[in-house]
N, C-alpha and C. Protein backbone atom coordinates (compact mmCIF):
# COMPACT_ATOMS: atom_id res chain seq x y z
N MET A 1 31.42 26.18 233.87
CA MET A 1 30.40 27.14 233.50
C MET A 1 30.08 28.06 234.68
N ARG A 2 29.92 27.52 235.85
CA ARG A 2 29.63 28.32 237.04
C ARG A 2 30.94 28.62 237.75
N GLY A 3 31.15 29.84 238.14
CA GLY A 3 32.37 30.23 238.85
C GLY A 3 32.13 30.32 240.34
N ALA A 4 33.17 30.68 241.04
CA ALA A 4 33.06 30.85 242.49
C ALA A 4 32.16 32.05 242.79
N ILE A 5 31.32 31.89 243.78
CA ILE A 5 30.41 32.95 244.20
C ILE A 5 30.82 33.36 245.61
N PRO A 6 31.35 34.57 245.78
CA PRO A 6 31.82 34.98 247.11
C PRO A 6 30.71 34.91 248.16
N GLY A 7 31.03 34.31 249.29
CA GLY A 7 30.09 34.27 250.41
C GLY A 7 29.03 33.19 250.31
N LEU A 8 29.05 32.38 249.26
CA LEU A 8 28.05 31.32 249.11
C LEU A 8 28.35 30.20 250.10
N PRO A 9 27.44 29.93 251.03
CA PRO A 9 27.72 28.87 252.00
C PRO A 9 27.53 27.49 251.35
N THR A 10 28.26 26.53 251.84
CA THR A 10 28.13 25.17 251.35
C THR A 10 27.19 24.39 252.25
N PRO A 11 26.33 23.56 251.69
CA PRO A 11 25.44 22.76 252.53
C PRO A 11 26.17 21.58 253.17
N HIS A 12 27.37 21.27 252.67
CA HIS A 12 28.11 20.11 253.17
C HIS A 12 29.57 20.50 253.44
N PRO A 13 29.86 21.20 254.55
CA PRO A 13 31.25 21.59 254.82
C PRO A 13 32.15 20.37 255.03
N LEU A 14 33.32 20.41 254.41
CA LEU A 14 34.25 19.29 254.51
C LEU A 14 34.79 19.11 255.92
N SER A 15 34.96 20.20 256.65
CA SER A 15 35.53 20.10 258.00
C SER A 15 34.65 19.25 258.92
N ALA A 16 33.36 19.21 258.67
CA ALA A 16 32.44 18.41 259.50
C ALA A 16 32.59 16.92 259.20
N ARG A 17 33.25 16.58 258.12
CA ARG A 17 33.39 15.18 257.74
C ARG A 17 34.80 14.63 258.02
N LEU A 18 35.62 15.44 258.63
CA LEU A 18 36.98 15.00 258.95
C LEU A 18 36.97 14.07 260.16
N PRO A 19 37.98 13.23 260.28
CA PRO A 19 38.09 12.40 261.49
C PRO A 19 38.19 13.30 262.73
N SER A 20 37.76 12.80 263.85
CA SER A 20 37.68 13.61 265.07
C SER A 20 39.02 14.19 265.49
N VAL A 21 40.11 13.57 265.15
CA VAL A 21 41.41 14.09 265.53
C VAL A 21 41.70 15.45 264.89
N TYR A 22 41.07 15.74 263.74
CA TYR A 22 41.30 17.00 263.04
C TYR A 22 40.24 18.07 263.33
N LEU A 23 39.17 17.73 263.99
CA LEU A 23 38.06 18.67 264.18
C LEU A 23 38.47 19.92 264.94
N GLY A 24 39.34 19.83 265.88
CA GLY A 24 39.74 21.00 266.67
C GLY A 24 40.93 21.74 266.08
N ASP A 25 41.52 21.25 265.01
CA ASP A 25 42.72 21.85 264.43
C ASP A 25 42.33 23.06 263.57
N ASP A 26 42.82 24.24 263.95
CA ASP A 26 42.49 25.48 263.24
C ASP A 26 43.00 25.48 261.80
N PHE A 27 44.22 24.99 261.58
CA PHE A 27 44.80 24.97 260.24
C PHE A 27 43.97 24.09 259.29
N THR A 28 43.60 22.91 259.74
CA THR A 28 42.83 21.98 258.91
C THR A 28 41.46 22.55 258.59
N THR A 29 40.83 23.21 259.55
CA THR A 29 39.52 23.82 259.31
C THR A 29 39.62 24.91 258.25
N ARG A 30 40.62 25.78 258.37
CA ARG A 30 40.80 26.84 257.37
C ARG A 30 41.16 26.26 256.00
N PHE A 31 41.98 25.20 256.00
CA PHE A 31 42.40 24.56 254.76
C PHE A 31 41.19 23.98 254.01
N THR A 32 40.31 23.30 254.71
CA THR A 32 39.13 22.71 254.06
C THR A 32 38.10 23.77 253.67
N GLU A 33 38.09 24.92 254.31
CA GLU A 33 37.18 26.01 253.91
C GLU A 33 37.48 26.50 252.50
N ALA A 34 38.74 26.43 252.08
CA ALA A 34 39.09 26.82 250.71
C ALA A 34 38.40 25.89 249.71
N PHE A 35 38.37 24.60 250.01
CA PHE A 35 37.68 23.65 249.14
C PHE A 35 36.18 23.86 249.17
N ASP A 36 35.66 24.20 250.35
CA ASP A 36 34.22 24.47 250.48
C ASP A 36 33.81 25.63 249.57
N GLU A 37 34.65 26.65 249.50
CA GLU A 37 34.34 27.81 248.67
C GLU A 37 34.30 27.43 247.19
N VAL A 38 35.17 26.52 246.78
CA VAL A 38 35.21 26.08 245.38
C VAL A 38 34.06 25.13 245.07
N LEU A 39 33.69 24.28 246.02
CA LEU A 39 32.64 23.27 245.79
C LEU A 39 31.22 23.81 245.97
N ALA A 40 31.04 24.91 246.67
CA ALA A 40 29.69 25.43 246.93
C ALA A 40 28.92 25.70 245.63
N PRO A 41 29.51 26.35 244.60
CA PRO A 41 28.74 26.53 243.36
C PRO A 41 28.38 25.21 242.68
N LEU A 42 29.23 24.21 242.82
CA LEU A 42 28.94 22.90 242.24
C LEU A 42 27.69 22.29 242.88
N PHE A 43 27.59 22.38 244.20
CA PHE A 43 26.40 21.87 244.88
C PHE A 43 25.15 22.64 244.43
N THR A 44 25.30 23.93 244.25
CA THR A 44 24.17 24.76 243.80
C THR A 44 23.71 24.32 242.40
N VAL A 45 24.64 24.09 241.50
CA VAL A 45 24.29 23.64 240.15
C VAL A 45 23.61 22.28 240.21
N LEU A 46 24.16 21.36 240.99
CA LEU A 46 23.57 20.02 241.07
C LEU A 46 22.17 20.06 241.69
N ASP A 47 21.97 20.93 242.67
CA ASP A 47 20.64 21.06 243.28
C ASP A 47 19.61 21.61 242.29
N CYS A 48 20.07 22.41 241.33
CA CYS A 48 19.17 23.06 240.37
C CYS A 48 19.30 22.49 238.96
N LEU A 49 19.87 21.30 238.82
CA LEU A 49 20.18 20.76 237.50
C LEU A 49 19.00 20.69 236.54
N PRO A 50 17.81 20.26 236.95
CA PRO A 50 16.70 20.22 235.99
C PRO A 50 16.38 21.60 235.38
N GLN A 51 16.55 22.66 236.15
CA GLN A 51 16.26 24.01 235.65
C GLN A 51 17.26 24.43 234.57
N TYR A 52 18.45 23.85 234.56
CA TYR A 52 19.44 24.19 233.53
C TYR A 52 19.01 23.70 232.15
N PHE A 53 18.15 22.71 232.10
CA PHE A 53 17.70 22.17 230.82
C PHE A 53 16.35 22.73 230.39
N ASP A 54 15.84 23.68 231.11
CA ASP A 54 14.59 24.36 230.76
C ASP A 54 14.96 25.75 230.24
N PRO A 55 14.72 26.02 228.93
CA PRO A 55 15.12 27.32 228.37
C PRO A 55 14.48 28.52 229.08
N ALA A 56 13.34 28.33 229.69
CA ALA A 56 12.68 29.44 230.38
C ALA A 56 13.34 29.78 231.70
N LEU A 57 14.10 28.84 232.28
CA LEU A 57 14.66 29.03 233.62
C LEU A 57 16.18 29.05 233.68
N CYS A 58 16.86 28.55 232.66
CA CYS A 58 18.32 28.42 232.75
C CYS A 58 19.01 29.79 232.75
N PRO A 59 20.23 29.85 233.28
CA PRO A 59 20.98 31.11 233.27
C PRO A 59 21.24 31.56 231.82
N PRO A 60 21.31 32.87 231.59
CA PRO A 60 21.50 33.37 230.21
C PRO A 60 22.75 32.83 229.52
N ASP A 61 23.85 32.64 230.25
CA ASP A 61 25.04 32.13 229.60
C ASP A 61 24.91 30.65 229.24
N PHE A 62 24.06 29.91 229.91
CA PHE A 62 23.84 28.50 229.59
C PHE A 62 22.89 28.36 228.41
N LEU A 63 22.06 29.37 228.16
CA LEU A 63 21.09 29.31 227.07
C LEU A 63 21.78 29.15 225.72
N GLU A 64 22.89 29.82 225.53
CA GLU A 64 23.66 29.71 224.28
C GLU A 64 24.12 28.27 224.06
N TRP A 65 24.58 27.64 225.11
CA TRP A 65 25.02 26.26 225.03
C TRP A 65 23.84 25.34 224.74
N LEU A 66 22.72 25.59 225.38
CA LEU A 66 21.51 24.81 225.16
C LEU A 66 21.04 24.95 223.72
N ALA A 67 21.17 26.13 223.14
CA ALA A 67 20.81 26.34 221.73
C ALA A 67 21.67 25.47 220.83
N GLY A 68 22.93 25.28 221.18
CA GLY A 68 23.79 24.40 220.41
C GLY A 68 23.34 22.95 220.48
N TRP A 69 22.82 22.55 221.62
CA TRP A 69 22.32 21.18 221.78
C TRP A 69 21.15 20.91 220.85
N VAL A 70 20.29 21.90 220.64
CA VAL A 70 19.11 21.71 219.79
C VAL A 70 19.35 22.22 218.37
N ALA A 71 20.61 22.52 218.05
CA ALA A 71 21.04 22.90 216.69
C ALA A 71 20.24 24.09 216.15
N PHE A 72 20.12 25.13 216.97
CA PHE A 72 19.43 26.33 216.53
C PHE A 72 20.24 27.54 216.97
N PRO A 73 21.04 28.12 216.07
CA PRO A 73 21.88 29.27 216.46
C PRO A 73 21.03 30.48 216.83
N LEU A 74 21.49 31.21 217.83
CA LEU A 74 20.77 32.38 218.31
C LEU A 74 21.36 33.65 217.71
N ASP A 75 20.52 34.60 217.45
CA ASP A 75 20.93 35.89 216.94
C ASP A 75 21.26 36.80 218.12
N GLY A 76 22.42 37.42 218.09
CA GLY A 76 22.84 38.29 219.18
C GLY A 76 21.96 39.51 219.36
N ALA A 77 21.18 39.87 218.33
CA ALA A 77 20.32 41.05 218.42
C ALA A 77 18.99 40.75 219.13
N TRP A 78 18.67 39.48 219.35
CA TRP A 78 17.41 39.13 220.00
C TRP A 78 17.48 39.43 221.49
N ASP A 79 16.34 39.82 222.05
CA ASP A 79 16.29 40.01 223.50
C ASP A 79 16.20 38.64 224.18
N ASP A 80 16.37 38.63 225.49
CA ASP A 80 16.43 37.39 226.25
C ASP A 80 15.14 36.57 226.11
N ALA A 81 14.00 37.23 226.12
CA ALA A 81 12.71 36.51 226.02
C ALA A 81 12.59 35.79 224.68
N ARG A 82 12.97 36.46 223.59
CA ARG A 82 12.89 35.83 222.27
C ARG A 82 13.86 34.66 222.16
N ARG A 83 15.08 34.83 222.71
CA ARG A 83 16.07 33.75 222.67
C ARG A 83 15.54 32.51 223.41
N ARG A 84 14.92 32.72 224.56
CA ARG A 84 14.37 31.59 225.33
C ARG A 84 13.22 30.93 224.58
N GLU A 85 12.38 31.74 223.94
CA GLU A 85 11.25 31.19 223.18
C GLU A 85 11.74 30.37 221.99
N VAL A 86 12.76 30.85 221.29
CA VAL A 86 13.29 30.13 220.13
C VAL A 86 13.88 28.79 220.56
N VAL A 87 14.69 28.79 221.60
CA VAL A 87 15.30 27.54 222.07
C VAL A 87 14.22 26.57 222.56
N GLY A 88 13.21 27.09 223.23
CA GLY A 88 12.12 26.25 223.72
C GLY A 88 11.31 25.62 222.61
N ASN A 89 11.27 26.25 221.44
CA ASN A 89 10.50 25.74 220.31
C ASN A 89 11.36 25.10 219.23
N ALA A 90 12.66 25.00 219.43
CA ALA A 90 13.56 24.51 218.39
C ALA A 90 13.25 23.08 217.96
N VAL A 91 12.96 22.20 218.90
CA VAL A 91 12.68 20.81 218.54
C VAL A 91 11.43 20.73 217.67
N GLU A 92 10.40 21.48 218.03
CA GLU A 92 9.17 21.49 217.23
C GLU A 92 9.46 22.07 215.83
N LEU A 93 10.30 23.09 215.75
CA LEU A 93 10.66 23.66 214.45
C LEU A 93 11.39 22.63 213.60
N HIS A 94 12.27 21.85 214.20
CA HIS A 94 12.97 20.81 213.44
C HIS A 94 12.00 19.75 212.93
N ARG A 95 10.96 19.50 213.68
CA ARG A 95 9.96 18.50 213.26
C ARG A 95 9.27 18.94 211.97
N TRP A 96 9.06 20.23 211.80
CA TRP A 96 8.36 20.75 210.62
C TRP A 96 9.32 21.34 209.59
N ARG A 97 10.62 21.15 209.75
CA ARG A 97 11.62 21.70 208.83
C ARG A 97 11.35 21.20 207.41
N GLY A 98 11.47 22.11 206.46
CA GLY A 98 11.26 21.76 205.05
C GLY A 98 9.83 21.94 204.59
N THR A 99 8.93 22.37 205.48
CA THR A 99 7.54 22.59 205.09
C THR A 99 7.21 24.08 205.21
N SER A 100 6.15 24.48 204.55
CA SER A 100 5.70 25.88 204.65
C SER A 100 5.36 26.22 206.09
N ARG A 101 4.71 25.29 206.77
CA ARG A 101 4.34 25.51 208.17
C ARG A 101 5.58 25.73 209.04
N GLY A 102 6.60 24.91 208.85
CA GLY A 102 7.84 25.04 209.63
C GLY A 102 8.57 26.33 209.34
N LEU A 103 8.62 26.72 208.05
CA LEU A 103 9.28 27.97 207.68
C LEU A 103 8.55 29.16 208.27
N ALA A 104 7.22 29.15 208.20
CA ALA A 104 6.44 30.26 208.76
C ALA A 104 6.63 30.35 210.27
N ALA A 105 6.65 29.21 210.95
CA ALA A 105 6.84 29.21 212.41
C ALA A 105 8.23 29.74 212.77
N GLN A 106 9.24 29.34 212.02
CA GLN A 106 10.60 29.81 212.29
C GLN A 106 10.72 31.32 212.10
N VAL A 107 10.19 31.82 211.00
CA VAL A 107 10.27 33.26 210.73
C VAL A 107 9.44 34.04 211.74
N ARG A 108 8.31 33.49 212.15
CA ARG A 108 7.46 34.14 213.16
C ARG A 108 8.22 34.27 214.49
N LEU A 109 8.93 33.22 214.88
CA LEU A 109 9.72 33.28 216.11
C LEU A 109 10.88 34.28 215.98
N MET A 110 11.49 34.34 214.81
CA MET A 110 12.63 35.22 214.61
C MET A 110 12.24 36.69 214.59
N THR A 111 11.06 36.99 214.04
CA THR A 111 10.66 38.39 213.86
C THR A 111 9.60 38.85 214.84
N GLY A 112 8.84 37.92 215.40
CA GLY A 112 7.75 38.29 216.30
C GLY A 112 6.56 38.88 215.57
N GLY A 113 6.53 38.74 214.26
CA GLY A 113 5.46 39.34 213.48
C GLY A 113 4.60 38.32 212.76
N GLU A 114 3.81 38.84 211.81
CA GLU A 114 2.95 37.99 210.99
C GLU A 114 3.74 37.51 209.78
N VAL A 115 3.55 36.24 209.42
CA VAL A 115 4.31 35.65 208.32
C VAL A 115 3.36 34.92 207.38
N GLU A 116 3.60 35.10 206.09
CA GLU A 116 2.87 34.35 205.07
C GLU A 116 3.89 33.72 204.14
N VAL A 117 3.78 32.43 203.93
CA VAL A 117 4.68 31.71 203.03
C VAL A 117 3.86 31.24 201.84
N VAL A 118 4.30 31.66 200.65
CA VAL A 118 3.66 31.24 199.40
C VAL A 118 4.66 30.37 198.67
N ASP A 119 4.26 29.14 198.44
CA ASP A 119 5.19 28.20 197.81
C ASP A 119 4.58 27.66 196.54
N SER A 120 5.41 27.36 195.57
CA SER A 120 4.95 26.98 194.24
C SER A 120 4.51 25.53 194.15
N GLY A 121 4.83 24.73 195.12
CA GLY A 121 4.56 23.30 195.04
C GLY A 121 3.17 22.92 195.48
N GLY A 122 2.92 21.65 195.44
CA GLY A 122 1.65 21.13 195.87
C GLY A 122 1.71 19.62 195.93
N CYS A 123 0.68 19.02 196.46
CA CYS A 123 0.63 17.57 196.58
C CYS A 123 -0.80 17.14 196.32
N THR A 124 -0.95 16.14 195.46
CA THR A 124 -2.28 15.63 195.15
C THR A 124 -2.16 14.21 194.63
N TRP A 125 -3.26 13.61 194.33
CA TRP A 125 -3.27 12.30 193.70
C TRP A 125 -4.42 12.27 192.73
N SER A 126 -4.38 11.35 191.81
CA SER A 126 -5.43 11.25 190.82
C SER A 126 -5.65 9.79 190.45
N ARG A 127 -6.88 9.46 190.15
CA ARG A 127 -7.20 8.10 189.69
C ARG A 127 -6.89 7.95 188.21
N GLU A 128 -6.72 9.07 187.54
CA GLU A 128 -6.47 9.04 186.10
C GLU A 128 -5.00 9.32 185.81
N PRO A 129 -4.36 8.45 185.03
CA PRO A 129 -2.96 8.69 184.70
C PRO A 129 -2.81 9.93 183.81
N GLY A 130 -1.67 10.59 183.94
CA GLY A 130 -1.39 11.74 183.11
C GLY A 130 -2.05 13.03 183.57
N ALA A 131 -2.62 13.04 184.79
CA ALA A 131 -3.26 14.26 185.29
C ALA A 131 -2.20 15.33 185.53
N ASP A 132 -2.61 16.58 185.41
CA ASP A 132 -1.67 17.67 185.62
C ASP A 132 -1.25 17.73 187.09
N PRO A 133 0.05 17.91 187.32
CA PRO A 133 0.51 18.03 188.71
C PRO A 133 0.12 19.39 189.27
N PRO A 134 -0.02 19.49 190.58
CA PRO A 134 -0.38 20.77 191.18
C PRO A 134 0.81 21.72 191.21
N GLY A 135 0.53 22.97 191.48
CA GLY A 135 1.60 23.96 191.64
C GLY A 135 2.14 24.45 190.31
N ASP A 136 3.22 25.22 190.39
CA ASP A 136 3.87 25.78 189.21
C ASP A 136 4.96 24.85 188.70
N GLN A 137 5.34 25.03 187.44
CA GLN A 137 6.41 24.24 186.85
C GLN A 137 7.74 24.56 187.51
N LEU A 138 8.00 25.85 187.79
CA LEU A 138 9.26 26.26 188.38
C LEU A 138 9.09 26.40 189.89
N PRO A 139 10.02 25.86 190.67
CA PRO A 139 9.90 25.97 192.13
C PRO A 139 10.20 27.39 192.59
N GLY A 140 9.65 27.76 193.71
CA GLY A 140 9.90 29.07 194.29
C GLY A 140 9.16 29.25 195.60
N VAL A 141 9.72 30.08 196.46
CA VAL A 141 9.10 30.38 197.75
C VAL A 141 9.16 31.89 197.95
N GLU A 142 8.04 32.45 198.35
CA GLU A 142 8.01 33.87 198.73
C GLU A 142 7.57 33.95 200.18
N VAL A 143 8.36 34.65 200.98
CA VAL A 143 8.06 34.82 202.40
C VAL A 143 7.76 36.29 202.63
N ARG A 144 6.53 36.57 203.08
CA ARG A 144 6.13 37.94 203.40
C ARG A 144 6.07 38.08 204.90
N VAL A 145 6.77 39.09 205.41
CA VAL A 145 6.88 39.29 206.85
C VAL A 145 6.38 40.68 207.21
N ARG A 146 5.49 40.74 208.17
CA ARG A 146 5.05 42.01 208.74
C ARG A 146 5.50 42.01 210.19
N PRO A 147 6.67 42.64 210.48
CA PRO A 147 7.22 42.60 211.85
C PRO A 147 6.27 43.20 212.88
N ALA A 148 6.42 42.74 214.10
CA ALA A 148 5.63 43.30 215.20
C ALA A 148 6.00 44.76 215.39
N PRO A 149 5.04 45.59 215.80
CA PRO A 149 5.34 47.01 216.02
C PRO A 149 6.49 47.19 217.01
N GLY A 150 7.43 48.02 216.64
CA GLY A 150 8.55 48.32 217.52
C GLY A 150 9.71 47.34 217.41
N SER A 151 9.53 46.23 216.70
CA SER A 151 10.63 45.28 216.58
C SER A 151 11.48 45.63 215.37
N ARG A 152 12.74 45.24 215.44
CA ARG A 152 13.68 45.54 214.37
C ARG A 152 14.07 44.22 213.71
N VAL A 153 13.93 44.16 212.39
CA VAL A 153 14.28 42.96 211.64
C VAL A 153 15.53 43.26 210.82
N HIS A 154 16.50 42.35 210.89
CA HIS A 154 17.72 42.47 210.10
C HIS A 154 17.51 41.66 208.82
N PRO A 155 17.28 42.33 207.68
CA PRO A 155 16.96 41.61 206.43
C PRO A 155 18.01 40.57 206.03
N GLU A 156 19.28 40.89 206.22
CA GLU A 156 20.33 39.95 205.81
C GLU A 156 20.29 38.68 206.66
N ARG A 157 20.12 38.84 207.96
CA ARG A 157 20.07 37.68 208.84
C ARG A 157 18.83 36.84 208.58
N LEU A 158 17.71 37.53 208.37
CA LEU A 158 16.46 36.84 208.09
C LEU A 158 16.58 36.05 206.79
N ARG A 159 17.11 36.69 205.78
CA ARG A 159 17.28 36.04 204.48
C ARG A 159 18.20 34.82 204.60
N ALA A 160 19.29 34.95 205.35
CA ALA A 160 20.21 33.83 205.53
C ALA A 160 19.53 32.66 206.24
N ALA A 161 18.72 32.95 207.24
CA ALA A 161 18.02 31.88 207.96
C ALA A 161 17.00 31.19 207.06
N ILE A 162 16.31 31.97 206.22
CA ILE A 162 15.33 31.39 205.30
C ILE A 162 16.03 30.54 204.25
N LEU A 163 17.12 31.04 203.69
CA LEU A 163 17.88 30.27 202.70
C LEU A 163 18.39 28.96 203.29
N ASP A 164 18.72 28.97 204.57
CA ASP A 164 19.19 27.76 205.24
C ASP A 164 18.06 26.75 205.41
N ALA A 165 16.83 27.22 205.53
CA ALA A 165 15.69 26.34 205.79
C ALA A 165 15.02 25.82 204.52
N VAL A 166 15.30 26.44 203.37
CA VAL A 166 14.65 26.07 202.11
C VAL A 166 15.64 25.22 201.29
N PRO A 167 15.16 24.22 200.55
CA PRO A 167 16.08 23.43 199.71
C PRO A 167 16.91 24.33 198.80
N ALA A 168 18.14 23.92 198.54
CA ALA A 168 19.10 24.76 197.82
C ALA A 168 18.66 25.11 196.40
N HIS A 169 17.89 24.26 195.75
CA HIS A 169 17.51 24.51 194.35
C HIS A 169 16.27 25.41 194.22
N VAL A 170 15.69 25.80 195.33
CA VAL A 170 14.45 26.59 195.28
C VAL A 170 14.77 28.08 195.43
N PRO A 171 14.39 28.89 194.44
CA PRO A 171 14.60 30.34 194.57
C PRO A 171 13.70 30.91 195.68
N VAL A 172 14.24 31.90 196.39
CA VAL A 172 13.53 32.49 197.54
C VAL A 172 13.42 33.99 197.34
N ARG A 173 12.23 34.51 197.64
CA ARG A 173 12.02 35.95 197.66
C ARG A 173 11.50 36.31 199.04
N VAL A 174 12.12 37.30 199.67
CA VAL A 174 11.72 37.74 201.00
C VAL A 174 11.19 39.15 200.89
N ARG A 175 10.01 39.37 201.43
CA ARG A 175 9.41 40.71 201.44
C ARG A 175 9.12 41.08 202.89
N ILE A 176 9.69 42.19 203.31
CA ILE A 176 9.41 42.72 204.64
C ILE A 176 8.43 43.86 204.45
N VAL A 177 7.23 43.67 204.94
CA VAL A 177 6.16 44.64 204.75
C VAL A 177 6.07 45.49 206.01
N ALA A 178 6.27 46.79 205.85
CA ALA A 178 6.22 47.69 207.00
C ALA A 178 5.46 48.95 206.63
N HIS A 179 4.52 49.34 207.44
CA HIS A 179 3.77 50.58 207.26
C HIS A 179 3.13 50.67 205.88
N GLY A 180 2.58 49.56 205.40
CA GLY A 180 1.85 49.58 204.14
C GLY A 180 2.71 49.52 202.89
N ARG A 181 4.02 49.41 203.01
CA ARG A 181 4.84 49.29 201.82
C ARG A 181 5.74 48.06 201.95
N ALA A 182 6.14 47.52 200.83
CA ALA A 182 6.96 46.32 200.82
C ALA A 182 8.39 46.66 200.43
N GLU A 183 9.32 46.04 201.11
CA GLU A 183 10.72 46.18 200.78
C GLU A 183 11.24 44.80 200.40
N VAL A 184 11.99 44.71 199.32
CA VAL A 184 12.56 43.43 198.91
C VAL A 184 14.07 43.53 199.08
N PRO A 185 14.64 42.81 200.06
CA PRO A 185 16.07 42.90 200.29
C PRO A 185 16.89 42.07 199.31
N GLY A 186 16.78 42.36 198.04
CA GLY A 186 17.59 41.68 197.04
C GLY A 186 16.76 40.82 196.13
N PRO A 187 17.36 40.37 195.02
CA PRO A 187 16.65 39.55 194.05
C PRO A 187 16.45 38.14 194.58
N PRO A 188 15.54 37.37 193.95
CA PRO A 188 15.35 36.00 194.39
C PRO A 188 16.63 35.20 194.18
N SER A 189 16.85 34.24 195.03
CA SER A 189 18.06 33.40 194.86
C SER A 189 17.68 31.94 194.96
């Protein structure tokens, strides 16, 4: 993952660890310097290893790999700050996956805007048998998104992410509300 960095000094030069018979040999010193140049980035990574697992601090190219570890694919259109925020919250999002709260949190992170999830279901209990169940007879979810000012939302990507988070048998309607009007990117599915 980390490549050679020109001019990066090593904290542990190999020539200093050679037997005394080789310390004065110019060829051996130059020969071990080649290994020092290759090993220096490795020492740097090992010295900073905890930061590699923190989405707020890891290098941008490592963030993509970290997103794979937490099973949350990143959108190439997101800026670096949003990508880091999504990876940092991925575990919490997985904890609430399949709920209105989890869906709203995921869409909020993806769009940076206000999100409202209206779902047809409900949960209740009754002391009397035969009581009417809560919610509607037919399942359905409507997600209304009001993106943050200046942000760009890709309706197809958003819809795909929502469809992935909602059970397969539940129809989904996505509404992106912008400047007082609603746009529906396709029929419910």
